[in-house]
Amino acid sequence: MSEPTVRTATDADAAALAALERDANLPALAHVFPADEHPFPTAEVEARWRRLLTDPDVTVEVVDGSSGDLLAFVAYDEQVLRHLAVHPSRWRLGWGRALVDRAVSRMGPEPRLWCLVDNRAARLLYEGLGWQETGREQPAEWPPYPAEVEYVRNEPDRPLTASEE
């Protein structure tokens, strides 16, 4: 696996962040957000990114593509891993794992995250990295408001066992 080159996002990245989120979510979450019933909320997602990029407590890091696009991002604060996406052309290269590890190494103790219950790929990633469900659920931000489950990472430095790798 080649490690992605990461930089801190700027205000100018809001539209590209929204575009990457759309490009990753449409194939990964079509079973949760059918596009014909729930079109991707591009304007709302871009507005959310604009807010996050100006929040001094949130770190947003990105991986640039060769044509001005983004290939991956991770957003987090001291306690919560807020957003993670990797472009489908880079899936299964270890970039998600690398970005989660990078974020966790910069977060405080017992980092948390929320993940859609029906996002099987993300849940497998997080669970493989030692995250555990807390049992708490909440509705997602976007219609049809599917359930999200909370995860916590109690032992961020715990080495993975052979069965987890």
C-alpha atoms as a PDB file:
ATOM      1  CA  MET A   1       0.000   0.000   0.000  1.00  0.00           C
ATOM      2  CA  SER A   2       1.302   3.448  -0.819  1.00  0.00           C
ATOM      3  CA  GLU A   3       0.466   5.915   1.921  1.00  0.00           C
ATOM      4  CA  PRO A   4      -1.609   8.851   0.702  1.00  0.00           C
ATOM      5  CA  THR A   5      -0.069  12.319   0.939  1.00  0.00           C
ATOM      6  CA  VAL A   6      -2.267  14.295   3.302  1.00  0.00           C
ATOM      7  CA  ARG A   7      -2.678  18.058   3.645  1.00  0.00           C
ATOM      8  CA  THR A   8      -4.939  20.263   5.747  1.00  0.00           C
ATOM      9  CA  ALA A   9      -8.056  21.347   3.875  1.00  0.00           C
ATOM     10  CA  THR A  10      -8.823  25.019   3.273  1.00  0.00           C
ATOM     11  CA  ASP A  11     -12.044  26.946   2.726  1.00  0.00           C
ATOM     12  CA  ALA A  12     -11.464  26.543  -1.013  1.00  0.00           C
ATOM     13  CA  ASP A  13     -11.949  22.756  -0.667  1.00  0.00           C
ATOM     14  CA  ALA A  14     -15.638  22.838   0.361  1.00  0.00           C
ATOM     15  CA  ALA A  15     -17.056  22.046  -3.089  1.00  0.00           C
ATOM     16  CA  ALA A  16     -14.466  19.316  -3.718  1.00  0.00           C
ATOM     17  CA  LEU A  17     -15.205  17.764  -0.314  1.00  0.00           C
ATOM     18  CA  ALA A  18     -18.916  17.662  -1.141  1.00  0.00           C
ATOM     19  CA  ALA A  19     -18.161  16.178  -4.574  1.00  0.00           C
ATOM     20  CA  LEU A  20     -15.980  13.425  -3.094  1.00  0.00           C
ATOM     21  CA  GLU A  21     -18.589  12.682  -0.439  1.00  0.00           C
ATOM     22  CA  ARG A  22     -21.177  12.312  -3.212  1.00  0.00           C
ATOM     23  CA  ASP A  23     -18.868  10.157  -5.372  1.00  0.00           C
ATOM     24  CA  ALA A  24     -18.121   7.812  -2.470  1.00  0.00           C
ATOM     25  CA  ASN A  25     -21.625   7.678  -1.015  1.00  0.00           C
ATOM     26  CA  LEU A  26     -23.626   7.079  -4.176  1.00  0.00           C
ATOM     27  CA  PRO A  27     -22.181   3.590  -4.789  1.00  0.00           C
ATOM     28  CA  ALA A  28     -21.530   2.715  -1.137  1.00  0.00           C
ATOM     29  CA  LEU A  29     -24.898   3.770   0.251  1.00  0.00           C
ATOM     30  CA  ALA A  30     -27.319   3.290  -2.648  1.00  0.00           C
ATOM     31  CA  HIS A  31     -29.171   0.700  -0.544  1.00  0.00           C
ATOM     32  CA  VAL A  32     -29.681   3.305   2.224  1.00  0.00           C
ATOM     33  CA  PHE A  33     -30.244   6.465   0.157  1.00  0.00           C
ATOM     34  CA  PRO A  34     -31.753   5.380  -3.201  1.00  0.00           C
ATOM     35  CA  ALA A  35     -30.876   8.241  -5.583  1.00  0.00           C
ATOM     36  CA  ASP A  36     -34.300   8.245  -7.257  1.00  0.00           C
ATOM     37  CA  GLU A  37     -35.998   8.751  -3.860  1.00  0.00           C
ATOM     38  CA  HIS A  38     -33.303  10.723  -2.026  1.00  0.00           C
ATOM     39  CA  PRO A  39     -31.037  12.680  -4.389  1.00  0.00           C
ATOM     40  CA  PHE A  40     -27.665  13.569  -2.911  1.00  0.00           C
ATOM     41  CA  PRO A  41     -28.065  16.911  -1.060  1.00  0.00           C
ATOM     42  CA  THR A  42     -25.066  18.589  -2.688  1.00  0.00           C
ATOM     43  CA  ALA A  43     -25.808  22.171  -1.596  1.00  0.00           C
ATOM     44  CA  GLU A  44     -26.510  21.151   2.003  1.00  0.00           C
ATOM     45  CA  VAL A  45     -23.402  18.960   2.204  1.00  0.00           C
ATOM     46  CA  GLU A  46     -21.234  21.741   0.789  1.00  0.00           C
ATOM     47  CA  ALA A  47     -22.717  24.179   3.330  1.00  0.00           C
ATOM     48  CA  ARG A  48     -21.905  21.701   6.126  1.00  0.00           C
ATOM     49  CA  TRP A  49     -18.297  21.494   4.854  1.00  0.00           C
ATOM     50  CA  ARG A  50     -18.062  25.298   4.803  1.00  0.00           C
ATOM     51  CA  ARG A  51     -19.126  25.348   8.471  1.00  0.00           C
ATOM     52  CA  LEU A  52     -16.688  22.585   9.442  1.00  0.00           C
ATOM     53  CA  LEU A  53     -13.787  24.238   7.626  1.00  0.00           C
ATOM     54  CA  THR A  54     -14.252  27.380   9.717  1.00  0.00           C
ATOM     55  CA  ASP A  55     -14.692  25.529  13.024  1.00  0.00           C
ATOM     56  CA  PRO A  56     -11.402  25.912  14.944  1.00  0.00           C
ATOM     57  CA  ASP A  57     -12.073  22.665  16.841  1.00  0.00           C
ATOM     58  CA  VAL A  58     -12.348  20.542  13.685  1.00  0.00           C
ATOM     59  CA  THR A  59      -9.441  19.275  11.608  1.00  0.00           C
ATOM     60  CA  VAL A  60     -10.173  18.379   7.992  1.00  0.00           C
ATOM     61  CA  GLU A  61      -7.415  16.616   6.062  1.00  0.00           C
ATOM     62  CA  VAL A  62      -7.510  15.681   2.392  1.00  0.00           C
ATOM     63  CA  VAL A  63      -5.632  13.741  -0.271  1.00  0.00           C
ATOM     64  CA  ASP A  64      -5.397  15.525  -3.608  1.00  0.00           C
ATOM     65  CA  GLY A  65      -6.034  13.906  -6.971  1.00  0.00           C
ATOM     66  CA  SER A  66      -4.052  14.800 -10.070  1.00  0.00           C
ATOM     67  CA  SER A  67      -6.718  17.017 -11.639  1.00  0.00           C
ATOM     68  CA  GLY A  68      -7.712  19.284  -8.756  1.00  0.00           C
ATOM     69  CA  ASP A  69     -10.173  16.784  -7.318  1.00  0.00           C
ATOM     70  CA  LEU A  70      -9.905  15.039  -3.957  1.00  0.00           C
ATOM     71  CA  LEU A  71      -9.309  11.326  -3.477  1.00  0.00           C
ATOM     72  CA  ALA A  72      -9.888  11.057   0.272  1.00  0.00           C
ATOM     73  CA  PHE A  73     -10.698  13.020   3.396  1.00  0.00           C
ATOM     74  CA  VAL A  74     -10.951  12.647   7.137  1.00  0.00           C
ATOM     75  CA  ALA A  75     -12.495  15.154   9.555  1.00  0.00           C
ATOM     76  CA  TYR A  76     -12.232  14.973  13.327  1.00  0.00           C
ATOM     77  CA  ASP A  77     -12.104  16.955  16.526  1.00  0.00           C
ATOM     78  CA  GLU A  78     -10.602  16.093  19.905  1.00  0.00           C
ATOM     79  CA  GLN A  79     -13.278  13.468  20.629  1.00  0.00           C
ATOM     80  CA  VAL A  80     -15.194  12.546  17.445  1.00  0.00           C
ATOM     81  CA  LEU A  81     -14.135  11.115  14.098  1.00  0.00           C
ATOM     82  CA  ARG A  82     -16.720  13.062  12.091  1.00  0.00           C
ATOM     83  CA  HIS A  83     -16.264  12.121   8.434  1.00  0.00           C
ATOM     84  CA  LEU A  84     -14.219   9.733   6.326  1.00  0.00           C
ATOM     85  CA  ALA A  85     -14.388   9.057   2.607  1.00  0.00           C
ATOM     86  CA  VAL A  86     -12.158   7.535  -0.028  1.00  0.00           C
ATOM     87  CA  HIS A  87     -12.884   7.805  -3.741  1.00  0.00           C
ATOM     88  CA  PRO A  88     -14.096   4.451  -5.130  1.00  0.00           C
ATOM     89  CA  SER A  89     -11.046   4.315  -7.444  1.00  0.00           C
ATOM     90  CA  ARG A  90      -8.901   4.059  -4.297  1.00  0.00           C
ATOM     91  CA  TRP A  91     -11.028   1.606  -2.297  1.00  0.00           C
ATOM     92  CA  ARG A  92      -9.258  -1.418  -0.821  1.00  0.00           C
ATOM     93  CA  LEU A  93      -5.811   0.217  -0.878  1.00  0.00           C
ATOM     94  CA  GLY A  94      -5.662   0.843   2.870  1.00  0.00           C
ATOM     95  CA  TRP A  95      -6.279   4.579   2.646  1.00  0.00           C
ATOM     96  CA  GLY A  96      -9.328   4.496   4.936  1.00  0.00           C
ATOM     97  CA  ARG A  97      -7.355   2.601   7.558  1.00  0.00           C
ATOM     98  CA  ALA A  98      -4.420   5.018   7.229  1.00  0.00           C
ATOM     99  CA  LEU A  99      -6.650   8.084   7.598  1.00  0.00           C
ATOM    100  CA  VAL A 100      -8.498   6.657  10.604  1.00  0.00           C
ATOM    101  CA  ASP A 101      -5.194   5.783  12.286  1.00  0.00           C
ATOM    102  CA  ARG A 102      -3.876   9.276  11.526  1.00  0.00           C
ATOM    103  CA  ALA A 103      -6.962  10.911  13.056  1.00  0.00           C
ATOM    104  CA  VAL A 104      -6.992   8.664  16.133  1.00  0.00           C
ATOM    105  CA  SER A 105      -3.322   9.448  16.809  1.00  0.00           C
ATOM    106  CA  ARG A 106      -4.265  13.146  17.021  1.00  0.00           C
ATOM    107  CA  MET A 107      -7.471  12.747  19.042  1.00  0.00           C
ATOM    108  CA  GLY A 108      -7.949  12.542  22.788  1.00  0.00           C
ATOM    109  CA  PRO A 109      -8.636   9.386  24.798  1.00  0.00           C
ATOM    110  CA  GLU A 110     -11.636   7.240  23.895  1.00  0.00           C
ATOM    111  CA  PRO A 111     -12.401   8.693  20.457  1.00  0.00           C
ATOM    112  CA  ARG A 112     -15.940   8.176  19.177  1.00  0.00           C
ATOM    113  CA  LEU A 113     -17.725   8.095  15.859  1.00  0.00           C
ATOM    114  CA  TRP A 114     -21.189   7.572  14.420  1.00  0.00           C
ATOM    115  CA  CYS A 115     -21.732   5.173  11.526  1.00  0.00           C
ATOM    116  CA  LEU A 116     -24.852   4.242   9.601  1.00  0.00           C
ATOM    117  CA  VAL A 117     -26.137   0.896  10.829  1.00  0.00           C
ATOM    118  CA  ASP A 118     -26.468  -0.244   7.201  1.00  0.00           C
ATOM    119  CA  ASN A 119     -22.990   0.915   6.104  1.00  0.00           C
ATOM    120  CA  ARG A 120     -21.504  -2.558   6.243  1.00  0.00           C
ATOM    121  CA  ALA A 121     -18.137  -1.685   4.684  1.00  0.00           C
ATOM    122  CA  ALA A 122     -17.481   1.180   7.104  1.00  0.00           C
ATOM    123  CA  ARG A 123     -18.527  -0.890  10.093  1.00  0.00           C
ATOM    124  CA  LEU A 124     -16.163  -3.690   9.066  1.00  0.00           C
ATOM    125  CA  LEU A 125     -13.338  -1.158   8.728  1.00  0.00           C
ATOM    126  CA  TYR A 126     -13.940   0.393  12.138  1.00  0.00           C
ATOM    127  CA  GLU A 127     -14.462  -2.915  13.902  1.00  0.00           C
ATOM    128  CA  GLY A 128     -11.279  -4.247  12.288  1.00  0.00           C
ATOM    129  CA  LEU A 129      -9.446  -1.263  13.735  1.00  0.00           C
ATOM    130  CA  GLY A 130     -10.646  -2.020  17.264  1.00  0.00           C
ATOM    131  CA  TRP A 131     -13.720   0.234  17.500  1.00  0.00           C
ATOM    132  CA  GLN A 132     -16.643  -1.139  19.536  1.00  0.00           C
ATOM    133  CA  GLU A 133     -20.351  -0.291  19.487  1.00  0.00           C
ATOM    134  CA  THR A 134     -21.626   1.561  22.540  1.00  0.00           C
ATOM    135  CA  GLY A 135     -25.266   0.574  22.007  1.00  0.00           C
ATOM    136  CA  ARG A 136     -26.337   4.180  21.419  1.00  0.00           C
ATOM    137  CA  GLU A 137     -28.224   5.017  18.229  1.00  0.00           C
ATOM    138  CA  GLN A 138     -29.509   8.220  16.639  1.00  0.00           C
ATOM    139  CA  PRO A 139     -31.148   9.199  13.344  1.00  0.00           C
ATOM    140  CA  ALA A 140     -28.840  10.296  10.524  1.00  0.00           C
ATOM    141  CA  GLU A 141     -28.710  13.898   9.354  1.00  0.00           C
ATOM    142  CA  TRP A 142     -30.268  13.338   5.900  1.00  0.00           C
ATOM    143  CA  PRO A 143     -33.623  11.850   4.770  1.00  0.00           C
ATOM    144  CA  PRO A 144     -34.821   9.146   5.163  1.00  0.00           C
ATOM    145  CA  TYR A 145     -32.914   9.525   8.476  1.00  0.00           C
ATOM    146  CA  PRO A 146     -31.618   5.959   8.822  1.00  0.00           C
ATOM    147  CA  ALA A 147     -30.176   4.852  12.148  1.00  0.00           C
ATOM    148  CA  GLU A 148     -26.575   5.543  13.072  1.00  0.00           C
ATOM    149  CA  VAL A 149     -24.743   3.600  15.753  1.00  0.00           C
ATOM    150  CA  GLU A 150     -22.049   5.042  17.989  1.00  0.00           C
ATOM    151  CA  TYR A 151     -18.596   3.460  18.240  1.00  0.00           C
ATOM    152  CA  VAL A 152     -15.819   4.063  20.745  1.00  0.00           C
ATOM    153  CA  ARG A 153     -12.148   3.161  20.578  1.00  0.00           C
ATOM    154  CA  ASN A 154     -11.077   2.364  24.130  1.00  0.00           C
ATOM    155  CA  GLU A 155      -7.614   1.078  23.271  1.00  0.00           C
ATOM    156  CA  PRO A 156      -6.342   3.038  20.263  1.00  0.00           C
ATOM    157  CA  ASP A 157      -2.829   1.624  20.602  1.00  0.00           C
ATOM    158  CA  ARG A 158      -3.914  -2.001  20.953  1.00  0.00           C
ATOM    159  CA  PRO A 159      -2.177  -4.096  18.289  1.00  0.00           C
ATOM    160  CA  LEU A 160      -4.498  -6.054  16.024  1.00  0.00           C
ATOM    161  CA  THR A 161      -4.573  -9.825  16.344  1.00  0.00           C
ATOM    162  CA  ALA A 162      -3.950 -11.964  13.260  1.00  0.00           C
ATOM    163  CA  SER A 163      -7.703 -12.600  12.898  1.00  0.00           C
ATOM    164  CA  GLU A 164      -8.409  -8.834  12.842  1.00  0.00           C
ATOM    165  CA  GLU A 165      -5.841  -7.931  10.179  1.00  0.00           C
END
